[in-house]
């Protein structure tokens, strides 16, 4: 999807530019070293399904952070229309990928970033669209919730990116930041349109079709 950038004025509140950030760098340590981005779901790599969810949910531009087997992922998966960032330090955990994704967006005029994880195929475009609609300003902070429990995707207004990146270490991602700012989070119930399971172990592969 190509966005027309010739418009001179754009209301952030009415027509915000919410970029999609897909974290897809994991090496699948508990899956015997099978990179999660390449797990097959409905005949295609998992990373393609996540990209489609972001795109169909109204996000753009789309940024994909790869790590484990990045060259193979780019060779096998259709990531057309996406800006791909390769994280050489992916083994440090999700935090390093989140930092890279937000850094890549700093060169754009995006008003917010909506972050999705590649290993949650039960979260589709409907949940993405709902969380996207929670945007109110560049200070927005929103997340999907499942039965009242916070989950993904998560929306970060652009004014928050620097502080979020500063605290994104190890495998925690933005968890510490979200805990500290829980009173500012708009929770968007998505349990009726999505399932928030992770593909972490061989037992979880039953969720893939």
N, C-alpha and C. Protein backbone atom coordinates (compact mmCIF):
# COMPACT_ATOMS: atom_id res chain seq x y z
N UNK A 1 0.85 -1.17 0.00
CA UNK A 1 0.00 0.00 0.00
C UNK A 1 0.89 1.23 0.00
N UNK A 2 0.68 2.15 -0.92
CA UNK A 2 1.48 3.35 -1.05
C UNK A 2 0.68 4.52 -0.52
N UNK A 3 1.27 5.27 0.37
CA UNK A 3 0.60 6.42 0.96
C UNK A 3 1.00 7.67 0.20
N UNK A 4 0.02 8.49 -0.18
CA UNK A 4 0.28 9.74 -0.89
C UNK A 4 0.86 10.75 0.08
N UNK A 5 2.09 11.17 -0.17
CA UNK A 5 2.75 12.10 0.73
C UNK A 5 2.69 13.54 0.21
N UNK A 6 1.84 13.81 -0.80
CA UNK A 6 1.80 15.14 -1.38
C UNK A 6 0.88 16.08 -0.62
N UNK A 7 0.06 15.53 0.28
CA UNK A 7 -0.85 16.36 1.04
C UNK A 7 -0.07 17.26 1.98
N UNK A 8 -0.38 18.54 1.96
CA UNK A 8 0.39 19.50 2.77
C UNK A 8 -0.04 19.50 4.23
N UNK A 9 -1.28 19.15 4.49
CA UNK A 9 -1.75 19.15 5.87
C UNK A 9 -2.36 17.81 6.18
N UNK A 10 -2.14 17.36 7.40
CA UNK A 10 -2.70 16.08 7.82
C UNK A 10 -2.97 16.15 9.31
N UNK A 11 -4.19 15.94 9.68
CA UNK A 11 -4.53 15.96 11.10
C UNK A 11 -4.05 14.68 11.76
N UNK A 12 -3.15 14.82 12.75
CA UNK A 12 -2.64 13.63 13.42
C UNK A 12 -3.75 12.87 14.12
N UNK A 13 -4.71 13.58 14.66
CA UNK A 13 -5.76 12.91 15.41
C UNK A 13 -6.72 12.16 14.48
N UNK A 14 -7.02 12.76 13.32
CA UNK A 14 -7.99 12.15 12.42
C UNK A 14 -7.37 11.17 11.44
N UNK A 15 -6.14 11.45 11.04
CA UNK A 15 -5.49 10.59 10.05
C UNK A 15 -4.02 10.38 10.41
N UNK A 16 -3.76 9.73 11.54
CA UNK A 16 -2.37 9.56 11.97
C UNK A 16 -1.64 8.56 11.10
N UNK A 17 -0.35 8.74 11.02
CA UNK A 17 0.49 7.76 10.33
C UNK A 17 1.03 6.81 11.39
N UNK A 18 0.45 5.62 11.45
CA UNK A 18 0.87 4.61 12.42
C UNK A 18 1.69 3.55 11.69
N UNK A 19 2.99 3.55 11.95
CA UNK A 19 3.88 2.60 11.31
C UNK A 19 3.77 1.23 11.98
N UNK A 20 3.91 0.19 11.20
CA UNK A 20 3.95 -1.15 11.75
C UNK A 20 5.37 -1.62 11.96
N UNK A 21 5.66 -2.14 13.13
CA UNK A 21 6.99 -2.67 13.44
C UNK A 21 6.83 -4.14 13.81
N UNK A 22 7.38 -5.01 12.99
CA UNK A 22 7.30 -6.44 13.24
C UNK A 22 8.63 -6.95 13.78
N UNK A 23 8.61 -7.50 14.98
CA UNK A 23 9.82 -8.07 15.57
C UNK A 23 9.88 -9.54 15.20
N UNK A 24 10.84 -9.89 14.33
CA UNK A 24 10.90 -11.24 13.76
C UNK A 24 12.32 -11.77 13.74
N UNK A 25 13.09 -11.47 14.78
CA UNK A 25 14.51 -11.82 14.79
C UNK A 25 14.83 -13.11 15.54
N UNK A 26 13.85 -13.66 16.27
CA UNK A 26 14.13 -14.78 17.16
C UNK A 26 14.64 -16.04 16.48
N UNK A 27 15.53 -16.72 17.16
CA UNK A 27 16.14 -17.93 16.60
C UNK A 27 15.44 -19.22 16.98
N UNK A 28 14.37 -19.14 17.78
CA UNK A 28 13.63 -20.35 18.14
C UNK A 28 14.45 -21.33 18.95
N UNK A 29 15.14 -20.84 19.98
CA UNK A 29 16.01 -21.71 20.78
C UNK A 29 15.25 -22.90 21.33
N UNK A 30 14.03 -22.69 21.82
CA UNK A 30 13.24 -23.79 22.39
C UNK A 30 12.52 -24.60 21.31
N UNK A 31 12.74 -24.21 20.07
CA UNK A 31 12.19 -24.97 18.94
C UNK A 31 13.31 -25.69 18.19
N UNK A 32 14.43 -25.90 18.88
CA UNK A 32 15.55 -26.59 18.24
C UNK A 32 16.32 -25.73 17.27
N UNK A 33 16.24 -24.41 17.45
CA UNK A 33 16.99 -23.51 16.58
C UNK A 33 16.30 -23.23 15.26
N UNK A 34 14.99 -23.38 15.22
CA UNK A 34 14.23 -23.06 14.00
C UNK A 34 13.79 -21.61 14.08
N UNK A 35 14.31 -20.74 13.20
CA UNK A 35 13.92 -19.33 13.25
C UNK A 35 12.41 -19.17 13.14
N UNK A 36 11.84 -18.38 14.04
CA UNK A 36 10.39 -18.27 14.08
C UNK A 36 9.82 -17.66 12.81
N UNK A 37 10.54 -16.75 12.20
CA UNK A 37 10.04 -16.09 10.99
C UNK A 37 9.76 -17.08 9.87
N UNK A 38 10.48 -18.22 9.88
CA UNK A 38 10.37 -19.18 8.79
C UNK A 38 9.44 -20.35 9.11
N UNK A 39 8.86 -20.39 10.30
CA UNK A 39 7.90 -21.45 10.59
C UNK A 39 6.76 -21.36 9.59
N UNK A 40 6.31 -22.51 9.11
CA UNK A 40 5.29 -22.50 8.07
C UNK A 40 3.89 -22.48 8.66
N UNK A 41 3.06 -21.58 8.13
CA UNK A 41 1.67 -21.44 8.57
C UNK A 41 0.81 -21.22 7.32
N UNK A 42 -0.09 -22.14 7.08
CA UNK A 42 -0.96 -22.06 5.89
C UNK A 42 -0.14 -21.97 4.60
N UNK A 43 0.97 -22.71 4.59
CA UNK A 43 1.77 -22.84 3.39
C UNK A 43 2.79 -21.74 3.15
N UNK A 44 2.90 -20.78 4.04
CA UNK A 44 3.84 -19.68 3.84
C UNK A 44 4.57 -19.39 5.16
N UNK A 45 5.74 -18.72 5.09
CA UNK A 45 6.47 -18.39 6.32
C UNK A 45 5.64 -17.50 7.24
N UNK A 46 5.80 -17.72 8.53
CA UNK A 46 5.03 -16.99 9.53
C UNK A 46 5.18 -15.47 9.39
N UNK A 47 6.36 -15.03 8.98
CA UNK A 47 6.61 -13.59 8.87
C UNK A 47 5.66 -12.94 7.86
N UNK A 48 5.28 -13.66 6.82
CA UNK A 48 4.35 -13.09 5.84
C UNK A 48 2.98 -12.85 6.43
N UNK A 49 2.54 -13.75 7.28
CA UNK A 49 1.22 -13.59 7.90
C UNK A 49 1.19 -12.36 8.80
N UNK A 50 2.28 -12.15 9.55
CA UNK A 50 2.34 -11.00 10.45
C UNK A 50 2.38 -9.69 9.66
N UNK A 51 3.14 -9.68 8.56
CA UNK A 51 3.18 -8.48 7.71
C UNK A 51 1.79 -8.17 7.17
N UNK A 52 1.08 -9.21 6.74
CA UNK A 52 -0.26 -9.01 6.21
C UNK A 52 -1.20 -8.46 7.27
N UNK A 53 -1.06 -8.92 8.51
CA UNK A 53 -1.91 -8.41 9.59
C UNK A 53 -1.67 -6.93 9.81
N UNK A 54 -0.41 -6.51 9.79
CA UNK A 54 -0.11 -5.09 9.96
C UNK A 54 -0.65 -4.26 8.80
N UNK A 55 -0.42 -4.75 7.60
CA UNK A 55 -0.87 -4.00 6.42
C UNK A 55 -2.39 -3.90 6.36
N UNK A 56 -3.06 -5.03 6.54
CA UNK A 56 -4.52 -5.03 6.47
C UNK A 56 -5.18 -4.34 7.66
N UNK A 57 -4.41 -4.19 8.73
CA UNK A 57 -4.91 -3.47 9.89
C UNK A 57 -4.74 -1.97 9.79
N UNK A 58 -4.18 -1.50 8.68
CA UNK A 58 -4.07 -0.06 8.44
C UNK A 58 -2.75 0.58 8.77
N UNK A 59 -1.71 -0.22 9.05
CA UNK A 59 -0.41 0.35 9.41
C UNK A 59 0.43 0.63 8.16
N UNK A 60 1.25 1.63 8.26
CA UNK A 60 2.20 1.95 7.21
C UNK A 60 2.98 3.21 7.57
N UNK A 61 4.28 3.24 7.24
CA UNK A 61 5.06 2.22 6.56
C UNK A 61 5.27 0.99 7.46
N UNK A 62 5.75 -0.09 6.84
CA UNK A 62 5.99 -1.33 7.56
C UNK A 62 7.49 -1.58 7.68
N UNK A 63 7.94 -1.84 8.90
CA UNK A 63 9.35 -2.15 9.16
C UNK A 63 9.43 -3.53 9.81
N UNK A 64 10.28 -4.38 9.25
CA UNK A 64 10.46 -5.73 9.75
C UNK A 64 11.89 -5.88 10.28
N UNK A 65 12.02 -6.29 11.53
CA UNK A 65 13.34 -6.49 12.12
C UNK A 65 13.64 -7.98 12.10
N UNK A 66 14.65 -8.36 11.33
CA UNK A 66 15.08 -9.75 11.23
C UNK A 66 16.37 -9.95 12.01
N UNK A 67 16.73 -11.21 12.25
CA UNK A 67 17.96 -11.52 12.96
C UNK A 67 18.45 -12.89 12.57
N UNK A 68 17.96 -13.93 13.25
CA UNK A 68 18.36 -15.30 12.95
C UNK A 68 18.00 -15.65 11.50
N UNK A 69 18.98 -16.21 10.79
CA UNK A 69 18.77 -16.65 9.40
C UNK A 69 18.16 -15.56 8.54
N UNK A 70 18.60 -14.32 8.74
CA UNK A 70 18.02 -13.19 8.02
C UNK A 70 18.09 -13.35 6.50
N UNK A 71 19.22 -13.83 5.99
CA UNK A 71 19.36 -13.99 4.55
C UNK A 71 18.36 -15.00 4.01
N UNK A 72 18.16 -16.08 4.74
CA UNK A 72 17.20 -17.10 4.32
C UNK A 72 15.78 -16.57 4.37
N UNK A 73 15.48 -15.81 5.40
CA UNK A 73 14.14 -15.23 5.50
C UNK A 73 13.87 -14.32 4.32
N UNK A 74 14.82 -13.46 3.98
CA UNK A 74 14.63 -12.54 2.86
C UNK A 74 14.53 -13.27 1.54
N UNK A 75 15.20 -14.43 1.44
CA UNK A 75 15.14 -15.20 0.20
C UNK A 75 13.82 -15.95 0.05
N UNK A 76 13.26 -16.41 1.16
CA UNK A 76 12.07 -17.27 1.09
C UNK A 76 10.75 -16.55 1.29
N UNK A 77 10.78 -15.43 2.01
CA UNK A 77 9.52 -14.74 2.35
C UNK A 77 9.31 -13.53 1.46
N UNK A 78 8.07 -13.26 1.15
CA UNK A 78 7.70 -12.07 0.39
C UNK A 78 7.54 -10.91 1.36
N UNK A 79 8.53 -10.04 1.38
CA UNK A 79 8.50 -8.87 2.26
C UNK A 79 8.43 -7.59 1.43
N UNK A 80 7.85 -7.69 0.26
CA UNK A 80 7.72 -6.53 -0.61
C UNK A 80 6.90 -5.44 0.08
N UNK A 81 7.33 -4.21 -0.10
CA UNK A 81 6.66 -3.10 0.53
C UNK A 81 7.10 -2.84 1.96
N UNK A 82 8.03 -3.64 2.45
CA UNK A 82 8.52 -3.48 3.83
C UNK A 82 9.96 -2.96 3.83
N UNK A 83 10.28 -2.16 4.82
CA UNK A 83 11.67 -1.81 5.08
C UNK A 83 12.21 -2.86 6.04
N UNK A 84 13.29 -3.53 5.63
CA UNK A 84 13.85 -4.62 6.43
C UNK A 84 15.10 -4.14 7.15
N UNK A 85 15.15 -4.37 8.45
CA UNK A 85 16.30 -4.04 9.27
C UNK A 85 16.84 -5.35 9.84
N UNK A 86 18.13 -5.58 9.70
CA UNK A 86 18.73 -6.81 10.23
C UNK A 86 19.45 -6.48 11.54
N UNK A 87 19.09 -7.20 12.58
CA UNK A 87 19.67 -7.00 13.90
C UNK A 87 20.83 -7.98 14.10
N UNK A 88 22.07 -7.50 14.06
CA UNK A 88 23.21 -8.40 14.25
C UNK A 88 23.33 -8.90 15.68
N UNK A 89 22.64 -8.24 16.60
CA UNK A 89 22.71 -8.60 18.02
C UNK A 89 21.42 -9.25 18.49
N UNK A 90 20.74 -9.98 17.59
CA UNK A 90 19.43 -10.53 17.92
C UNK A 90 19.48 -11.50 19.11
N UNK A 91 20.65 -12.14 19.32
CA UNK A 91 20.75 -13.08 20.43
C UNK A 91 20.69 -12.39 21.80
N UNK A 92 20.84 -11.07 21.83
CA UNK A 92 20.73 -10.33 23.09
C UNK A 92 19.29 -10.29 23.59
N UNK A 93 18.34 -10.53 22.68
CA UNK A 93 16.94 -10.53 23.08
C UNK A 93 16.10 -9.49 22.36
N UNK A 94 14.82 -9.49 22.68
CA UNK A 94 13.86 -8.63 21.99
C UNK A 94 14.17 -7.15 22.10
N UNK A 95 14.78 -6.76 23.21
CA UNK A 95 15.07 -5.34 23.42
C UNK A 95 15.89 -4.73 22.31
N UNK A 96 16.92 -5.44 21.85
CA UNK A 96 17.77 -4.90 20.80
C UNK A 96 17.00 -4.74 19.50
N UNK A 97 16.06 -5.65 19.22
CA UNK A 97 15.26 -5.53 18.01
C UNK A 97 14.29 -4.36 18.09
N UNK A 98 13.70 -4.15 19.26
CA UNK A 98 12.79 -3.03 19.44
C UNK A 98 13.54 -1.72 19.26
N UNK A 99 14.75 -1.63 19.82
CA UNK A 99 15.54 -0.41 19.66
C UNK A 99 15.81 -0.13 18.18
N UNK A 100 16.18 -1.16 17.43
CA UNK A 100 16.46 -0.97 16.02
C UNK A 100 15.22 -0.55 15.25
N UNK A 101 14.11 -1.17 15.56
CA UNK A 101 12.88 -0.84 14.87
C UNK A 101 12.47 0.61 15.10
N UNK A 102 12.55 1.06 16.34
CA UNK A 102 12.20 2.44 16.64
C UNK A 102 13.21 3.42 16.05
N UNK A 103 14.48 3.04 16.03
CA UNK A 103 15.50 3.91 15.43
C UNK A 103 15.25 4.09 13.94
N UNK A 104 14.82 3.01 13.27
CA UNK A 104 14.53 3.11 11.84
C UNK A 104 13.37 4.07 11.58
N UNK A 105 12.41 4.09 12.48
CA UNK A 105 11.25 4.97 12.31
C UNK A 105 11.58 6.43 12.58
N UNK A 106 12.66 6.68 13.29
CA UNK A 106 12.99 8.07 13.65
C UNK A 106 13.27 8.92 12.42
N UNK A 107 13.59 8.27 11.30
CA UNK A 107 13.86 9.00 10.06
C UNK A 107 12.58 9.23 9.25
N UNK A 108 11.45 8.79 9.75
CA UNK A 108 10.18 8.95 9.07
C UNK A 108 9.33 9.99 9.80
N UNK A 109 8.15 10.28 9.24
CA UNK A 109 7.25 11.22 9.91
C UNK A 109 6.10 10.49 10.58
N UNK A 110 6.33 9.24 10.96
CA UNK A 110 5.29 8.46 11.62
C UNK A 110 4.91 9.10 12.96
N UNK A 111 3.64 9.06 13.27
CA UNK A 111 3.13 9.60 14.52
C UNK A 111 3.19 8.57 15.64
N UNK A 112 3.19 7.29 15.28
CA UNK A 112 3.20 6.22 16.28
C UNK A 112 3.73 4.95 15.64
N UNK A 113 4.15 4.03 16.49
CA UNK A 113 4.58 2.71 16.05
C UNK A 113 3.66 1.67 16.68
N UNK A 114 3.18 0.75 15.86
CA UNK A 114 2.40 -0.37 16.38
C UNK A 114 3.26 -1.61 16.25
N UNK A 115 3.59 -2.21 17.40
CA UNK A 115 4.56 -3.30 17.46
C UNK A 115 3.83 -4.64 17.56
N UNK A 116 4.21 -5.55 16.67
CA UNK A 116 3.64 -6.90 16.64
C UNK A 116 4.79 -7.91 16.68
N UNK A 117 4.54 -9.07 17.28
CA UNK A 117 5.54 -10.13 17.37
C UNK A 117 5.24 -11.21 16.33
N UNK A 118 6.28 -11.74 15.71
CA UNK A 118 6.09 -12.69 14.63
C UNK A 118 5.52 -14.02 15.10
N UNK A 119 5.70 -14.35 16.37
CA UNK A 119 5.31 -15.68 16.84
C UNK A 119 3.91 -15.72 17.47
N UNK A 120 3.06 -14.78 17.07
CA UNK A 120 1.69 -14.75 17.58
C UNK A 120 0.70 -14.73 16.41
N UNK A 121 0.61 -15.84 15.67
CA UNK A 121 -0.24 -15.86 14.47
C UNK A 121 -1.73 -15.76 14.77
N UNK A 122 -2.11 -15.92 16.03
CA UNK A 122 -3.52 -15.77 16.38
C UNK A 122 -3.97 -14.32 16.44
N UNK A 123 -3.03 -13.39 16.30
CA UNK A 123 -3.35 -11.97 16.29
C UNK A 123 -3.33 -11.49 14.86
N UNK A 124 -4.50 -11.11 14.36
CA UNK A 124 -4.62 -10.72 12.97
C UNK A 124 -4.95 -9.25 12.79
N UNK A 125 -5.42 -8.93 11.59
CA UNK A 125 -5.66 -7.54 11.20
C UNK A 125 -6.72 -6.86 12.06
N UNK A 126 -7.71 -7.59 12.53
CA UNK A 126 -8.77 -6.96 13.32
C UNK A 126 -8.24 -6.40 14.63
N UNK A 127 -7.38 -7.16 15.31
CA UNK A 127 -6.79 -6.66 16.55
C UNK A 127 -5.86 -5.49 16.26
N UNK A 128 -5.08 -5.58 15.19
CA UNK A 128 -4.19 -4.48 14.80
C UNK A 128 -5.00 -3.21 14.57
N UNK A 129 -6.09 -3.32 13.83
CA UNK A 129 -6.92 -2.16 13.53
C UNK A 129 -7.51 -1.54 14.80
N UNK A 130 -7.95 -2.38 15.73
CA UNK A 130 -8.53 -1.85 16.97
C UNK A 130 -7.51 -1.05 17.77
N UNK A 131 -6.30 -1.61 17.90
CA UNK A 131 -5.28 -0.90 18.68
C UNK A 131 -4.85 0.36 17.95
N UNK A 132 -4.76 0.29 16.64
CA UNK A 132 -4.41 1.47 15.86
C UNK A 132 -5.39 2.61 16.11
N UNK A 133 -6.65 2.29 16.21
CA UNK A 133 -7.68 3.31 16.41
C UNK A 133 -7.62 3.95 17.80
N UNK A 134 -6.81 3.39 18.68
CA UNK A 134 -6.65 3.98 20.02
C UNK A 134 -5.71 5.18 20.01
N UNK A 135 -5.09 5.45 18.86
CA UNK A 135 -4.19 6.61 18.76
C UNK A 135 -4.96 7.90 19.00
N UNK A 136 -4.39 8.77 19.85
CA UNK A 136 -4.98 10.08 20.10
C UNK A 136 -3.98 11.21 19.87
N UNK A 137 -2.72 10.95 20.17
CA UNK A 137 -1.69 11.95 20.00
C UNK A 137 -0.34 11.25 19.95
N UNK A 138 0.71 12.01 19.71
CA UNK A 138 2.05 11.43 19.66
C UNK A 138 2.55 10.99 21.04
N UNK A 139 1.74 11.23 22.07
CA UNK A 139 2.04 10.73 23.41
C UNK A 139 1.21 9.49 23.74
N UNK A 140 0.47 8.98 22.77
CA UNK A 140 -0.42 7.84 23.02
C UNK A 140 0.35 6.60 23.44
N UNK A 141 -0.31 5.80 24.26
CA UNK A 141 0.22 4.52 24.70
C UNK A 141 -0.98 3.58 24.80
N UNK A 142 -1.00 2.53 23.98
CA UNK A 142 -2.16 1.64 23.94
C UNK A 142 -1.69 0.21 23.72
N UNK A 143 -2.52 -0.74 24.13
CA UNK A 143 -2.19 -2.15 23.97
C UNK A 143 -3.46 -2.97 23.88
N UNK A 144 -3.37 -4.07 23.15
CA UNK A 144 -4.47 -5.02 23.15
C UNK A 144 -4.55 -5.67 24.52
N UNK A 145 -5.76 -6.05 24.90
CA UNK A 145 -5.92 -6.82 26.12
C UNK A 145 -6.77 -8.04 25.84
N UNK A 146 -6.52 -9.08 26.61
CA UNK A 146 -7.21 -10.36 26.44
C UNK A 146 -7.75 -10.77 27.80
N UNK A 147 -9.05 -10.63 27.97
CA UNK A 147 -9.65 -10.88 29.27
C UNK A 147 -9.13 -9.94 30.33
N UNK A 148 -8.78 -8.72 29.92
CA UNK A 148 -8.26 -7.73 30.86
C UNK A 148 -6.77 -7.76 31.06
N UNK A 149 -6.09 -8.74 30.45
CA UNK A 149 -4.62 -8.85 30.58
C UNK A 149 -3.95 -8.20 29.37
N UNK A 150 -2.99 -7.32 29.64
CA UNK A 150 -2.31 -6.62 28.55
C UNK A 150 -1.50 -7.59 27.68
N UNK A 151 -1.55 -7.37 26.36
CA UNK A 151 -0.80 -8.19 25.43
C UNK A 151 -0.38 -7.38 24.21
N UNK A 152 -0.21 -8.07 23.10
CA UNK A 152 0.17 -7.41 21.84
C UNK A 152 -1.00 -7.43 20.87
N UNK A 153 -0.98 -6.51 19.90
CA UNK A 153 0.04 -5.50 19.63
C UNK A 153 -0.01 -4.33 20.61
N UNK A 154 1.08 -3.54 20.56
CA UNK A 154 1.20 -2.37 21.43
C UNK A 154 1.48 -1.16 20.56
N UNK A 155 0.86 -0.04 20.90
CA UNK A 155 1.06 1.20 20.16
C UNK A 155 1.82 2.20 21.01
N UNK A 156 2.92 2.75 20.42
CA UNK A 156 3.75 3.73 21.09
C UNK A 156 3.72 5.03 20.30
N UNK A 157 3.20 6.10 20.88
CA UNK A 157 3.29 7.41 20.24
C UNK A 157 4.74 7.83 20.08
N UNK A 158 5.01 8.60 19.03
CA UNK A 158 6.39 8.95 18.68
C UNK A 158 7.12 9.69 19.79
N UNK A 159 6.39 10.46 20.59
CA UNK A 159 7.05 11.21 21.67
C UNK A 159 7.62 10.29 22.75
N UNK A 160 7.24 9.03 22.74
CA UNK A 160 7.69 8.08 23.76
C UNK A 160 8.86 7.20 23.29
N UNK A 161 9.19 7.25 22.01
CA UNK A 161 10.16 6.29 21.47
C UNK A 161 11.52 6.35 22.14
N UNK A 162 12.03 7.54 22.39
CA UNK A 162 13.37 7.67 22.98
C UNK A 162 13.44 6.99 24.34
N UNK A 163 12.46 7.25 25.19
CA UNK A 163 12.46 6.65 26.53
C UNK A 163 12.25 5.14 26.47
N UNK A 164 11.39 4.70 25.55
CA UNK A 164 11.15 3.26 25.42
C UNK A 164 12.43 2.55 24.98
N UNK A 165 13.11 3.11 23.99
CA UNK A 165 14.35 2.51 23.49
C UNK A 165 15.41 2.46 24.57
N UNK A 166 15.47 3.49 25.39
CA UNK A 166 16.49 3.54 26.45
C UNK A 166 16.32 2.42 27.45
N UNK A 167 15.09 1.97 27.65
CA UNK A 167 14.84 0.92 28.63
C UNK A 167 14.69 -0.47 28.03
N UNK A 168 14.84 -0.57 26.71
CA UNK A 168 14.64 -1.85 26.03
C UNK A 168 15.94 -2.66 26.05
N UNK A 169 16.10 -3.49 27.05
CA UNK A 169 17.32 -4.30 27.20
C UNK A 169 16.94 -5.76 27.36
N UNK A 170 17.86 -6.62 27.01
CA UNK A 170 17.63 -8.05 27.17
C UNK A 170 16.39 -8.51 26.43
N UNK A 171 15.67 -9.43 27.06
CA UNK A 171 14.48 -9.97 26.42
C UNK A 171 13.21 -9.32 26.96
N UNK A 172 13.35 -8.19 27.63
CA UNK A 172 12.21 -7.54 28.24
C UNK A 172 11.44 -6.64 27.29
N UNK A 173 12.09 -6.20 26.21
CA UNK A 173 11.41 -5.29 25.30
C UNK A 173 10.98 -4.04 26.05
N UNK A 174 9.70 -3.70 25.94
CA UNK A 174 9.18 -2.49 26.58
C UNK A 174 8.45 -2.79 27.89
N UNK A 175 8.62 -3.99 28.43
CA UNK A 175 7.83 -4.37 29.61
C UNK A 175 8.04 -3.42 30.78
N UNK A 176 9.29 -3.07 31.05
CA UNK A 176 9.55 -2.19 32.19
C UNK A 176 8.89 -0.83 31.97
N UNK A 177 9.00 -0.30 30.78
CA UNK A 177 8.39 0.99 30.48
C UNK A 177 6.88 0.91 30.65
N UNK A 178 6.28 -0.16 30.15
CA UNK A 178 4.83 -0.30 30.25
C UNK A 178 4.38 -0.44 31.71
N UNK A 179 5.17 -1.13 32.51
CA UNK A 179 4.84 -1.23 33.94
C UNK A 179 4.87 0.14 34.60
N UNK A 180 5.90 0.90 34.29
CA UNK A 180 6.06 2.22 34.91
C UNK A 180 4.97 3.20 34.47
N UNK A 181 4.41 2.98 33.28
CA UNK A 181 3.42 3.91 32.74
C UNK A 181 2.06 3.25 32.55
N UNK A 182 1.77 2.26 33.40
CA UNK A 182 0.54 1.50 33.22
C UNK A 182 -0.72 2.37 33.31
N UNK A 183 -0.66 3.45 34.09
CA UNK A 183 -1.83 4.31 34.23
C UNK A 183 -2.12 5.10 32.95
N UNK A 184 -1.13 5.18 32.07
CA UNK A 184 -1.31 5.94 30.82
C UNK A 184 -1.75 5.05 29.66
N UNK A 185 -1.78 3.73 29.87
CA UNK A 185 -2.08 2.79 28.78
C UNK A 185 -3.58 2.70 28.55
N UNK A 186 -3.97 2.84 27.30
CA UNK A 186 -5.34 2.55 26.89
C UNK A 186 -5.40 1.08 26.51
N UNK A 187 -6.18 0.29 27.25
CA UNK A 187 -6.31 -1.12 26.94
C UNK A 187 -7.48 -1.32 25.99
N UNK A 188 -7.24 -2.09 24.94
CA UNK A 188 -8.24 -2.34 23.91
C UNK A 188 -8.56 -3.83 23.90
N UNK A 189 -9.73 -4.20 24.35
CA UNK A 189 -10.09 -5.61 24.44
C UNK A 189 -10.17 -6.23 23.04
N UNK A 190 -9.45 -7.35 22.87
CA UNK A 190 -9.37 -8.00 21.56
C UNK A 190 -9.64 -9.50 21.62
N UNK A 191 -10.07 -9.99 22.78
CA UNK A 191 -10.22 -11.43 22.94
C UNK A 191 -11.31 -12.01 22.05
N UNK A 192 -12.21 -11.17 21.55
CA UNK A 192 -13.27 -11.66 20.67
C UNK A 192 -12.82 -11.78 19.22
N UNK A 193 -11.65 -11.21 18.88
CA UNK A 193 -11.18 -11.26 17.49
C UNK A 193 -9.78 -11.85 17.35
N UNK A 194 -9.12 -12.17 18.46
CA UNK A 194 -7.74 -12.66 18.37
C UNK A 194 -7.43 -13.58 19.54
N UNK A 195 -6.37 -14.37 19.36
CA UNK A 195 -5.84 -15.24 20.42
C UNK A 195 -4.36 -14.92 20.59
N UNK A 196 -3.95 -14.72 21.84
CA UNK A 196 -2.61 -14.21 22.10
C UNK A 196 -1.60 -15.28 22.48
N UNK A 197 -1.72 -16.48 21.92
CA UNK A 197 -0.73 -17.52 22.23
C UNK A 197 0.59 -17.24 21.50
N UNK A 198 1.67 -17.76 22.06
CA UNK A 198 3.00 -17.65 21.45
C UNK A 198 3.41 -19.01 20.89
N UNK A 199 4.23 -18.97 19.85
CA UNK A 199 4.86 -20.19 19.34
C UNK A 199 6.27 -20.24 19.93
N UNK A 200 6.40 -20.88 21.08
CA UNK A 200 7.69 -20.91 21.78
C UNK A 200 8.31 -22.30 21.85
N UNK A 201 7.48 -23.32 21.98
CA UNK A 201 7.98 -24.68 22.14
C UNK A 201 7.37 -25.59 21.08
N UNK A 202 7.88 -26.81 21.01
CA UNK A 202 7.36 -27.76 20.02
C UNK A 202 5.88 -28.05 20.25
N UNK A 203 5.43 -27.97 21.51
CA UNK A 203 4.01 -28.20 21.80
C UNK A 203 3.14 -27.10 21.19
N UNK A 204 3.71 -25.92 21.05
CA UNK A 204 2.94 -24.79 20.50
C UNK A 204 2.74 -24.90 18.98
N UNK A 205 3.51 -25.77 18.33
CA UNK A 205 3.41 -25.88 16.88
C UNK A 205 2.03 -26.37 16.43
N UNK A 206 1.26 -26.89 17.36
CA UNK A 206 -0.08 -27.36 17.01
C UNK A 206 -0.98 -26.21 16.55
N UNK A 207 -0.60 -24.99 16.90
CA UNK A 207 -1.39 -23.83 16.49
C UNK A 207 -1.20 -23.48 15.02
N UNK A 208 -0.13 -24.00 14.42
CA UNK A 208 0.17 -23.67 13.02
C UNK A 208 -0.62 -24.60 12.10
N UNK A 209 -1.06 -24.05 10.98
CA UNK A 209 -1.86 -24.82 10.04
C UNK A 209 -1.09 -25.07 8.76
